[in-house]
Amino acid sequence: ESEVIPPALRAVAGRRPPAEIAIERGAPVLVRIVAREGDEVRIDGALFGRAPIAEVALAPGEHRFSARSPSGEEREVVARVDDAHRRVDLASAGDR
């Protein structure tokens, strides 16, 4: 069964949506993940990729972020992401 997309939400190649489209509560949030170059980054236990990572779209709420360096050093952060919290720093996690 396919989902019908309302005409106002259809994307047209080469055209931008109207600026007045608002992000609905619960819509994905673009989050910047800061990790040391070459670190293997996981989000909620799933491998995402190696740093550097630009941004990732995540559902608002609490997520577990981890980074593992090529030498095996691991760092982990549990952070809430939302419109006000869009950056997670794994590069300095665990530093004193």
Protein backbone atom coordinates (compact mmCIF):
# COMPACT_ATOMS: atom_id res chain seq x y z
CA GLU A 1 0.00 0.00 0.00
CA SER A 2 1.51 3.31 -1.03
CA GLU A 3 1.23 6.58 0.80
CA VAL A 4 -0.32 9.55 -0.96
CA ILE A 5 1.82 12.66 -0.66
CA PRO A 6 -0.17 15.90 -0.53
CA PRO A 7 0.63 18.18 -3.52
CA ALA A 8 2.00 20.88 -1.18
CA LEU A 9 4.70 18.49 0.06
CA ARG A 10 5.92 17.14 -3.27
CA ALA A 11 9.49 18.01 -4.18
CA VAL A 12 10.31 19.26 -7.64
CA ALA A 13 13.87 18.87 -8.91
CA GLY A 14 15.68 22.19 -8.98
CA ARG A 15 13.05 24.02 -6.93
CA ARG A 16 13.14 24.90 -3.26
CA PRO A 17 10.14 24.50 -0.97
CA PRO A 18 8.52 27.71 0.31
CA ALA A 19 10.46 29.24 3.21
CA GLU A 20 7.36 29.24 5.41
CA ILE A 21 7.36 25.45 5.80
CA ALA A 22 7.89 24.83 9.51
CA ILE A 23 9.55 21.82 11.10
CA GLU A 24 6.92 19.86 12.96
CA ARG A 25 7.50 18.67 16.51
CA GLY A 26 9.11 15.27 16.27
CA ALA A 27 10.62 15.95 12.85
CA PRO A 28 14.26 14.90 12.41
CA VAL A 29 16.93 17.24 13.77
CA LEU A 30 20.26 17.81 11.98
CA VAL A 31 22.96 17.05 14.54
CA ARG A 32 26.67 17.81 14.18
CA ILE A 33 28.85 15.05 15.63
CA VAL A 34 32.36 16.12 16.58
CA ALA A 35 34.82 13.22 16.78
CA ARG A 36 38.53 12.75 16.25
CA GLU A 37 39.44 12.08 12.62
CA GLY A 38 39.40 8.37 11.85
CA ASP A 39 37.22 7.45 14.85
CA GLU A 40 34.52 4.86 14.20
CA VAL A 41 31.24 6.50 15.21
CA ARG A 42 28.16 4.63 16.41
CA ILE A 43 24.73 6.04 17.12
CA ASP A 44 22.45 4.00 19.37
CA GLY A 45 24.78 1.03 18.87
CA ALA A 46 24.63 1.11 15.06
CA LEU A 47 27.78 1.87 13.06
CA PHE A 48 27.36 5.24 11.34
CA GLY A 49 30.79 5.73 9.81
CA ARG A 50 34.23 7.25 10.38
CA ALA A 51 34.93 10.82 11.41
CA PRO A 52 34.90 13.44 10.15
CA ILE A 53 31.11 13.44 9.93
CA ALA A 54 29.23 16.51 8.74
CA GLU A 55 25.69 16.18 10.06
CA VAL A 56 23.18 13.42 10.65
CA ALA A 57 19.38 13.63 10.83
CA LEU A 58 18.05 12.09 14.05
CA ALA A 59 14.68 11.90 15.74
CA PRO A 60 14.47 14.28 18.70
CA GLY A 61 15.18 12.64 22.05
CA GLU A 62 17.94 10.85 23.91
CA HIS A 63 20.57 8.98 21.89
CA ARG A 64 23.78 7.10 22.72
CA PHE A 65 26.82 8.21 20.72
CA SER A 66 30.15 6.41 20.83
CA ALA A 67 33.51 6.77 19.14
CA ARG A 68 36.33 4.25 18.91
CA SER A 69 39.77 5.36 17.79
CA PRO A 70 41.94 3.24 15.49
CA SER A 71 44.03 2.41 18.61
CA GLY A 72 40.94 1.10 20.44
CA GLU A 73 40.23 4.02 22.80
CA GLU A 74 36.47 4.33 23.34
CA ARG A 75 34.40 7.35 24.33
CA GLU A 76 30.65 7.44 24.87
CA VAL A 77 28.09 10.19 25.41
CA VAL A 78 24.37 9.95 26.05
CA ALA A 79 22.80 13.18 24.84
CA ARG A 80 19.38 14.62 24.16
CA VAL A 81 19.00 16.16 20.70
CA ASP A 82 16.34 18.68 19.75
CA ASP A 83 16.09 22.09 18.09
CA ALA A 84 18.14 23.63 20.93
CA HIS A 85 20.73 20.82 21.17
CA ARG A 86 22.24 20.03 17.78
CA ARG A 87 25.89 19.26 18.59
CA VAL A 88 27.48 16.20 20.20
CA ASP A 89 31.18 16.33 21.16
CA LEU A 90 32.84 12.92 21.21
CA ALA A 91 36.30 14.38 20.61
CA SER A 92 36.65 15.63 24.18
CA ALA A 93 34.39 13.09 25.93
CA GLY A 94 36.23 11.60 28.87
CA ASP A 95 38.96 14.29 28.88
CA ARG A 96 39.78 15.71 32.26
